[in-house]
Every structure is written in C-alpha cells, then in structure tokens.
C-alpha cells in the first residue's frame, strides 16, 4: 500500500523524536490512511487509499467531484 492519499496527496514527512535529554533522532510521520471502496455516480466502484482529511472531503463534495479537483490540483 502506497503511503500517499489519492485525494489530498499527503505523504510521509520527516521530523525528529526529541527525548527529555533533548537528544534528537530522525523519524517519519505517516498520514492517517485508510483503504476504502467508493461507488461512483455511473455505478462503478473504485478502491482508493485516502487520508482522514480526504474522507471528510469526499463526504462533503462527493467522490466524483473530489477526484476531479484532485486531478486539477496535481
């Protein structure tokens, strides 16, 4: 499974773990991704990996409009 959201294009970022002694070690921050099936307006189903933010966008504007905006943005 890819670590990229199909709607928002969020992906892993890099940061630091910081201990109480202020020692810093590199770590990755992963997006909150879920694999979901969606039914499009024409009746077909698609399976997407979307973040929690992407799910909220799909709930608000619908899967077809979300995919159209996602393609325009990137």
PDB file of N, CA and C in Angstrom:
ATOM      1  N   UNK A   1       0.840  -1.179   0.000  1.00  0.00           N
ATOM      2  CA  UNK A   1       0.000   0.000   0.000  1.00  0.00           C
ATOM      3  C   UNK A   1       0.885   1.242   0.000  1.00  0.00           C
ATOM      4  N   UNK A   2       0.594   2.142  -0.904  1.00  0.00           N
ATOM      5  CA  UNK A   2       1.354   3.370  -1.013  1.00  0.00           C
ATOM      6  C   UNK A   2       1.003   4.301   0.144  1.00  0.00           C
ATOM      7  N   UNK A   3       1.970   5.062   0.600  1.00  0.00           N
ATOM      8  CA  UNK A   3       1.733   5.999   1.693  1.00  0.00           C
ATOM      9  C   UNK A   3       1.392   7.385   1.168  1.00  0.00           C
ATOM     10  N   UNK A   4       0.509   7.455   0.159  1.00  0.00           N
ATOM     11  CA  UNK A   4       0.073   8.725  -0.417  1.00  0.00           C
ATOM     12  C   UNK A   4      -1.446   8.703  -0.533  1.00  0.00           C
ATOM     13  N   UNK A   5      -2.083   9.784  -0.114  1.00  0.00           N
ATOM     14  CA  UNK A   5      -3.537   9.902  -0.216  1.00  0.00           C
ATOM     15  C   UNK A   5      -3.922  10.209  -1.661  1.00  0.00           C
ATOM     16  N   UNK A   6      -4.966   9.555  -2.157  1.00  0.00           N
ATOM     17  CA  UNK A   6      -5.411   9.756  -3.537  1.00  0.00           C
ATOM     18  C   UNK A   6      -6.124  11.091  -3.723  1.00  0.00           C
ATOM     19  N   UNK A   7      -6.628  11.699  -2.669  1.00  0.00           N
ATOM     20  CA  UNK A   7      -7.386  12.947  -2.780  1.00  0.00           C
ATOM     21  C   UNK A   7      -6.529  14.158  -2.419  1.00  0.00           C
ATOM     22  N   UNK A   8      -5.885  14.132  -1.264  1.00  0.00           N
ATOM     23  CA  UNK A   8      -5.122  15.295  -0.797  1.00  0.00           C
ATOM     24  C   UNK A   8      -3.645  15.220  -1.152  1.00  0.00           C
ATOM     25  N   UNK A   9      -3.182  14.073  -1.609  1.00  0.00           N
ATOM     26  CA  UNK A   9      -1.776  13.825  -1.961  1.00  0.00           C
ATOM     27  C   UNK A   9      -0.840  14.023  -0.769  1.00  0.00           C
ATOM     28  N   UNK A  10      -1.348  13.775   0.441  1.00  0.00           N
ATOM     29  CA  UNK A  10      -0.491  13.801   1.622  1.00  0.00           C
ATOM     30  C   UNK A  10       0.418  12.586   1.591  1.00  0.00           C
ATOM     31  N   UNK A  11       1.660  12.742   2.069  1.00  0.00           N
ATOM     32  CA  UNK A  11       2.591  11.620   2.125  1.00  0.00           C
ATOM     33  C   UNK A  11       3.450  11.729   3.375  1.00  0.00           C
ATOM     34  N   UNK A  12       4.350  10.780   3.556  1.00  0.00           N
ATOM     35  CA  UNK A  12       5.201  10.754   4.739  1.00  0.00           C
ATOM     36  C   UNK A  12       6.089  11.992   4.781  1.00  0.00           C
ATOM     37  N   UNK A  13       6.267  12.520   5.988  1.00  0.00           N
ATOM     38  CA  UNK A  13       7.207  13.613   6.194  1.00  0.00           C
ATOM     39  C   UNK A  13       8.218  13.177   7.235  1.00  0.00           C
ATOM     40  N   UNK A  14       9.316  13.907   7.321  1.00  0.00           N
ATOM     41  CA  UNK A  14      10.408  13.543   8.215  1.00  0.00           C
ATOM     42  C   UNK A  14      10.515  14.592   9.311  1.00  0.00           C
ATOM     43  N   UNK A  15      10.756  14.122  10.535  1.00  0.00           N
ATOM     44  CA  UNK A  15      10.937  15.012  11.669  1.00  0.00           C
ATOM     45  C   UNK A  15      11.865  14.377  12.678  1.00  0.00           C
ATOM     46  N   UNK A  16      11.791  14.835  13.909  1.00  0.00           N
ATOM     47  CA  UNK A  16      12.675  14.343  14.958  1.00  0.00           C
ATOM     48  C   UNK A  16      11.878  13.803  16.135  1.00  0.00           C
ATOM     49  N   UNK A  17      12.378  12.699  16.727  1.00  0.00           N
ATOM     50  CA  UNK A  17      11.990  12.317  18.075  1.00  0.00           C
ATOM     51  C   UNK A  17      12.855  13.142  19.006  1.00  0.00           C
ATOM     52  N   UNK A  18      12.269  13.709  20.051  1.00  0.00           N
ATOM     53  CA  UNK A  18      13.038  14.511  20.996  1.00  0.00           C
ATOM     54  C   UNK A  18      12.838  13.919  22.382  1.00  0.00           C
ATOM     55  N   UNK A  19      13.931  13.475  23.003  1.00  0.00           N
ATOM     56  CA  UNK A  19      13.857  12.876  24.332  1.00  0.00           C
ATOM     57  C   UNK A  19      13.870  13.966  25.404  1.00  0.00           C
ATOM     58  N   UNK A  20      13.720  13.554  26.661  1.00  0.00           N
ATOM     59  CA  UNK A  20      13.778  14.510  27.769  1.00  0.00           C
ATOM     60  C   UNK A  20      15.146  15.160  27.864  1.00  0.00           C
ATOM     61  N   UNK A  21      16.184  14.441  27.427  1.00  0.00           N
ATOM     62  CA  UNK A  21      17.537  14.995  27.435  1.00  0.00           C
ATOM     63  C   UNK A  21      17.804  15.833  26.183  1.00  0.00           C
ATOM     64  N   UNK A  22      16.760  16.052  25.372  1.00  0.00           N
ATOM     65  CA  UNK A  22      16.833  16.847  24.149  1.00  0.00           C
ATOM     66  C   UNK A  22      17.709  16.210  23.076  1.00  0.00           C
ATOM     67  N   UNK A  23      17.855  14.872  23.136  1.00  0.00           N
ATOM     68  CA  UNK A  23      18.530  14.168  22.046  1.00  0.00           C
ATOM     69  C   UNK A  23      17.540  14.047  20.894  1.00  0.00           C
ATOM     70  N   UNK A  24      18.039  14.221  19.684  1.00  0.00           N
ATOM     71  CA  UNK A  24      17.164  14.198  18.514  1.00  0.00           C
ATOM     72  C   UNK A  24      17.554  13.067  17.579  1.00  0.00           C
ATOM     73  N   UNK A  25      16.570  12.273  17.190  1.00  0.00           N
ATOM     74  CA  UNK A  25      16.782  11.220  16.203  1.00  0.00           C
ATOM     75  C   UNK A  25      15.702  11.351  15.137  1.00  0.00           C
ATOM     76  N   UNK A  26      16.066  11.024  13.914  1.00  0.00           N
ATOM     77  CA  UNK A  26      15.132  11.155  12.801  1.00  0.00           C
ATOM     78  C   UNK A  26      14.004  10.128  12.905  1.00  0.00           C
ATOM     79  N   UNK A  27      12.811  10.523  12.453  1.00  0.00           N
ATOM     80  CA  UNK A  27      11.669   9.630  12.397  1.00  0.00           C
ATOM     81  C   UNK A  27      10.767  10.080  11.254  1.00  0.00           C
ATOM     82  N   UNK A  28       9.818   9.233  10.878  1.00  0.00           N
ATOM     83  CA  UNK A  28       8.861   9.605   9.840  1.00  0.00           C
ATOM     84  C   UNK A  28       7.483   9.789  10.458  1.00  0.00           C
ATOM     85  N   UNK A  29       6.749  10.749   9.933  1.00  0.00           N
ATOM     86  CA  UNK A  29       5.356  10.966  10.298  1.00  0.00           C
ATOM     87  C   UNK A  29       4.514  10.457   9.144  1.00  0.00           C
ATOM     88  N   UNK A  30       3.680   9.451   9.412  1.00  0.00           N
ATOM     89  CA  UNK A  30       2.872   8.855   8.362  1.00  0.00           C
ATOM     90  C   UNK A  30       1.460   9.437   8.387  1.00  0.00           C
ATOM     91  N   UNK A  31       0.852   9.638   7.220  1.00  0.00           N
ATOM     92  CA  UNK A  31      -0.530  10.124   7.197  1.00  0.00           C
ATOM     93  C   UNK A  31      -1.499   9.042   7.668  1.00  0.00           C
ATOM     94  N   UNK A  32      -2.656   9.455   8.133  1.00  0.00           N
ATOM     95  CA  UNK A  32      -3.688   8.546   8.638  1.00  0.00           C
ATOM     96  C   UNK A  32      -4.477   8.009   7.445  1.00  0.00           C
ATOM     97  N   UNK A  33      -3.982   6.924   6.823  1.00  0.00           N
ATOM     98  CA  UNK A  33      -4.555   6.407   5.586  1.00  0.00           C
ATOM     99  C   UNK A  33      -5.470   5.218   5.822  1.00  0.00           C
ATOM    100  N   UNK A  34      -6.520   5.137   5.008  1.00  0.00           N
ATOM    101  CA  UNK A  34      -7.461   4.028   5.031  1.00  0.00           C
ATOM    102  C   UNK A  34      -7.759   3.618   3.600  1.00  0.00           C
ATOM    103  N   UNK A  35      -7.930   2.323   3.366  1.00  0.00           N
ATOM    104  CA  UNK A  35      -8.333   1.828   2.055  1.00  0.00           C
ATOM    105  C   UNK A  35      -9.845   1.638   2.067  1.00  0.00           C
ATOM    106  N   UNK A  36     -10.526   2.341   1.182  1.00  0.00           N
ATOM    107  CA  UNK A  36     -11.993   2.325   1.149  1.00  0.00           C
ATOM    108  C   UNK A  36     -12.481   2.096  -0.273  1.00  0.00           C
ATOM    109  N   UNK A  37     -13.694   1.534  -0.378  1.00  0.00           N
ATOM    110  CA  UNK A  37     -14.372   1.397  -1.668  1.00  0.00           C
ATOM    111  C   UNK A  37     -15.423   2.502  -1.767  1.00  0.00           C
ATOM    112  N   UNK A  38     -15.504   3.095  -2.945  1.00  0.00           N
ATOM    113  CA  UNK A  38     -16.480   4.153  -3.190  1.00  0.00           C
ATOM    114  C   UNK A  38     -17.276   3.821  -4.436  1.00  0.00           C
ATOM    115  N   UNK A  39     -18.554   4.167  -4.418  1.00  0.00           N
ATOM    116  CA  UNK A  39     -19.423   3.947  -5.572  1.00  0.00           C
ATOM    117  C   UNK A  39     -19.590   5.272  -6.304  1.00  0.00           C
ATOM    118  N   UNK A  40     -19.216   5.281  -7.581  1.00  0.00           N
ATOM    119  CA  UNK A  40     -19.300   6.493  -8.382  1.00  0.00           C
ATOM    120  C   UNK A  40     -20.724   6.698  -8.892  1.00  0.00           C
ATOM    121  N   UNK A  41     -20.964   7.841  -9.508  1.00  0.00           N
ATOM    122  CA  UNK A  41     -22.306   8.186  -9.988  1.00  0.00           C
ATOM    123  C   UNK A  41     -22.761   7.261 -11.111  1.00  0.00           C
ATOM    124  N   UNK A  42     -21.816   6.746 -11.909  1.00  0.00           N
ATOM    125  CA  UNK A  42     -22.187   5.863 -13.017  1.00  0.00           C
ATOM    126  C   UNK A  42     -22.371   4.412 -12.577  1.00  0.00           C
ATOM    127  N   UNK A  43     -22.236   4.121 -11.280  1.00  0.00           N
ATOM    128  CA  UNK A  43     -22.497   2.788 -10.752  1.00  0.00           C
ATOM    129  C   UNK A  43     -21.268   1.929 -10.534  1.00  0.00           C
ATOM    130  N   UNK A  44     -20.106   2.350 -11.023  1.00  0.00           N
ATOM    131  CA  UNK A  44     -18.889   1.567 -10.827  1.00  0.00           C
ATOM    132  C   UNK A  44     -18.322   1.831  -9.439  1.00  0.00           C
ATOM    133  N   UNK A  45     -17.591   0.855  -8.913  1.00  0.00           N
ATOM    134  CA  UNK A  45     -16.940   1.034  -7.619  1.00  0.00           C
ATOM    135  C   UNK A  45     -15.440   1.129  -7.834  1.00  0.00           C
ATOM    136  N   UNK A  46     -14.805   1.956  -7.020  1.00  0.00           N
ATOM    137  CA  UNK A  46     -13.351   2.089  -7.067  1.00  0.00           C
ATOM    138  C   UNK A  46     -12.820   1.942  -5.655  1.00  0.00           C
ATOM    139  N   UNK A  47     -11.587   1.490  -5.551  1.00  0.00           N
ATOM    140  CA  UNK A  47     -10.926   1.288  -4.267  1.00  0.00           C
ATOM    141  C   UNK A  47      -9.788   2.296  -4.182  1.00  0.00           C
ATOM    142  N   UNK A  48      -9.822   3.147  -3.159  1.00  0.00           N
ATOM    143  CA  UNK A  48      -8.831   4.202  -3.014  1.00  0.00           C
ATOM    144  C   UNK A  48      -8.192   4.157  -1.640  1.00  0.00           C
ATOM    145  N   UNK A  49      -6.961   4.628  -1.563  1.00  0.00           N
ATOM    146  CA  UNK A  49      -6.286   4.852  -0.294  1.00  0.00           C
ATOM    147  C   UNK A  49      -6.399   6.336   0.006  1.00  0.00           C
ATOM    148  N   UNK A  50      -7.164   6.670   1.037  1.00  0.00           N
ATOM    149  CA  UNK A  50      -7.413   8.074   1.354  1.00  0.00           C
ATOM    150  C   UNK A  50      -7.095   8.350   2.817  1.00  0.00           C
ATOM    151  N   UNK A  51      -6.714   9.597   3.090  1.00  0.00           N
ATOM    152  CA  UNK A  51      -6.449  10.020   4.459  1.00  0.00           C
ATOM    153  C   UNK A  51      -7.766  10.379   5.139  1.00  0.00           C
ATOM    154  N   UNK A  52      -7.714  10.618   6.429  1.00  0.00           N
ATOM    155  CA  UNK A  52      -8.908  11.004   7.172  1.00  0.00           C
ATOM    156  C   UNK A  52      -9.449  12.329   6.646  1.00  0.00           C
ATOM    157  N   UNK A  53      -8.576  13.248   6.298  1.00  0.00           N
ATOM    158  CA  UNK A  53      -8.993  14.524   5.700  1.00  0.00           C
ATOM    159  C   UNK A  53      -9.653  14.280   4.345  1.00  0.00           C
ATOM    160  N   UNK A  54      -9.093  13.357   3.559  1.00  0.00           N
ATOM    161  CA  UNK A  54      -9.672  13.013   2.265  1.00  0.00           C
ATOM    162  C   UNK A  54     -11.071  12.439   2.402  1.00  0.00           C
ATOM    163  N   UNK A  55     -11.302  11.632   3.436  1.00  0.00           N
ATOM    164  CA  UNK A  55     -12.639  11.084   3.688  1.00  0.00           C
ATOM    165  C   UNK A  55     -13.646  12.193   3.985  1.00  0.00           C
ATOM    166  N   UNK A  56     -13.218  13.196   4.733  1.00  0.00           N
ATOM    167  CA  UNK A  56     -14.101  14.320   5.047  1.00  0.00           C
ATOM    168  C   UNK A  56     -14.434  15.118   3.789  1.00  0.00           C
ATOM    169  N   UNK A  57     -13.447  15.275   2.908  1.00  0.00           N
ATOM    170  CA  UNK A  57     -13.683  15.980   1.644  1.00  0.00           C
ATOM    171  C   UNK A  57     -14.687  15.205   0.798  1.00  0.00           C
ATOM    172  N   UNK A  58     -14.515  13.871   0.720  1.00  0.00           N
ATOM    173  CA  UNK A  58     -15.428  13.039  -0.068  1.00  0.00           C
ATOM    174  C   UNK A  58     -16.839  13.098   0.509  1.00  0.00           C
ATOM    175  N   UNK A  59     -16.971  13.081   1.830  1.00  0.00           N
ATOM    176  CA  UNK A  59     -18.291  13.187   2.457  1.00  0.00           C
ATOM    177  C   UNK A  59     -18.962  14.520   2.118  1.00  0.00           C
ATOM    178  N   UNK A  60     -18.160  15.569   2.006  1.00  0.00           N
ATOM    179  CA  UNK A  60     -18.706  16.900   1.783  1.00  0.00           C
ATOM    180  C   UNK A  60     -19.104  17.134   0.328  1.00  0.00           C
ATOM    181  N   UNK A  61     -18.222  16.769  -0.640  1.00  0.00           N
ATOM    182  CA  UNK A  61     -18.484  17.132  -2.037  1.00  0.00           C
ATOM    183  C   UNK A  61     -18.747  15.943  -2.946  1.00  0.00           C
ATOM    184  N   UNK A  62     -18.561  14.720  -2.455  1.00  0.00           N
ATOM    185  CA  UNK A  62     -18.805  13.534  -3.277  1.00  0.00           C
ATOM    186  C   UNK A  62     -17.531  13.035  -3.934  1.00  0.00           C
ATOM    187  N   UNK A  63     -17.525  11.754  -4.287  1.00  0.00           N
ATOM    188  CA  UNK A  63     -16.322  11.111  -4.813  1.00  0.00           C
ATOM    189  C   UNK A  63     -15.952  11.640  -6.197  1.00  0.00           C
ATOM    190  N   UNK A  64     -16.944  11.852  -7.067  1.00  0.00           N
ATOM    191  CA  UNK A  64     -16.642  12.294  -8.432  1.00  0.00           C
ATOM    192  C   UNK A  64     -16.023  13.691  -8.446  1.00  0.00           C
ATOM    193  N   UNK A  65     -16.608  14.610  -7.687  1.00  0.00           N
ATOM    194  CA  UNK A  65     -16.075  15.975  -7.627  1.00  0.00           C
ATOM    195  C   UNK A  65     -14.711  15.993  -6.943  1.00  0.00           C
ATOM    196  N   UNK A  66     -14.516  15.167  -5.920  1.00  0.00           N
ATOM    197  CA  UNK A  66     -13.231  15.110  -5.222  1.00  0.00           C
ATOM    198  C   UNK A  66     -12.126  14.613  -6.150  1.00  0.00           C
ATOM    199  N   UNK A  67     -12.422  13.589  -6.946  1.00  0.00           N
ATOM    200  CA  UNK A  67     -11.424  13.083  -7.890  1.00  0.00           C
ATOM    201  C   UNK A  67     -11.114  14.111  -8.972  1.00  0.00           C
ATOM    202  N   UNK A  68     -12.142  14.849  -9.420  1.00  0.00           N
ATOM    203  CA  UNK A  68     -11.917  15.868 -10.443  1.00  0.00           C
ATOM    204  C   UNK A  68     -11.018  16.982  -9.909  1.00  0.00           C
ATOM    205  N   UNK A  69     -11.294  17.454  -8.685  1.00  0.00           N
ATOM    206  CA  UNK A  69     -10.470  18.513  -8.083  1.00  0.00           C
ATOM    207  C   UNK A  69      -9.058  18.018  -7.801  1.00  0.00           C
ATOM    208  N   UNK A  70      -8.932  16.763  -7.400  1.00  0.00           N
ATOM    209  CA  UNK A  70      -7.619  16.188  -7.118  1.00  0.00           C
ATOM    210  C   UNK A  70      -6.764  16.138  -8.377  1.00  0.00           C
ATOM    211  N   UNK A  71      -7.377  15.794  -9.502  1.00  0.00           N
ATOM    212  CA  UNK A  71      -6.643  15.736 -10.769  1.00  0.00           C
ATOM    213  C   UNK A  71      -6.228  17.131 -11.220  1.00  0.00           C
ATOM    214  N   UNK A  72      -7.046  18.151 -10.951  1.00  0.00           N
ATOM    215  CA  UNK A  72      -6.705  19.518 -11.337  1.00  0.00           C
ATOM    216  C   UNK A  72      -5.564  20.062 -10.492  1.00  0.00           C
ATOM    217  N   UNK A  73      -5.556  19.723  -9.198  1.00  0.00           N
ATOM    218  CA  UNK A  73      -4.543  20.261  -8.292  1.00  0.00           C
ATOM    219  C   UNK A  73      -3.164  19.692  -8.557  1.00  0.00           C
ATOM    220  N   UNK A  74      -3.100  18.434  -8.965  1.00  0.00           N
ATOM    221  CA  UNK A  74      -1.785  17.815  -9.130  1.00  0.00           C
ATOM    222  C   UNK A  74      -1.661  17.219 -10.485  1.00  0.00           C
TER     223      UNK A  74
END
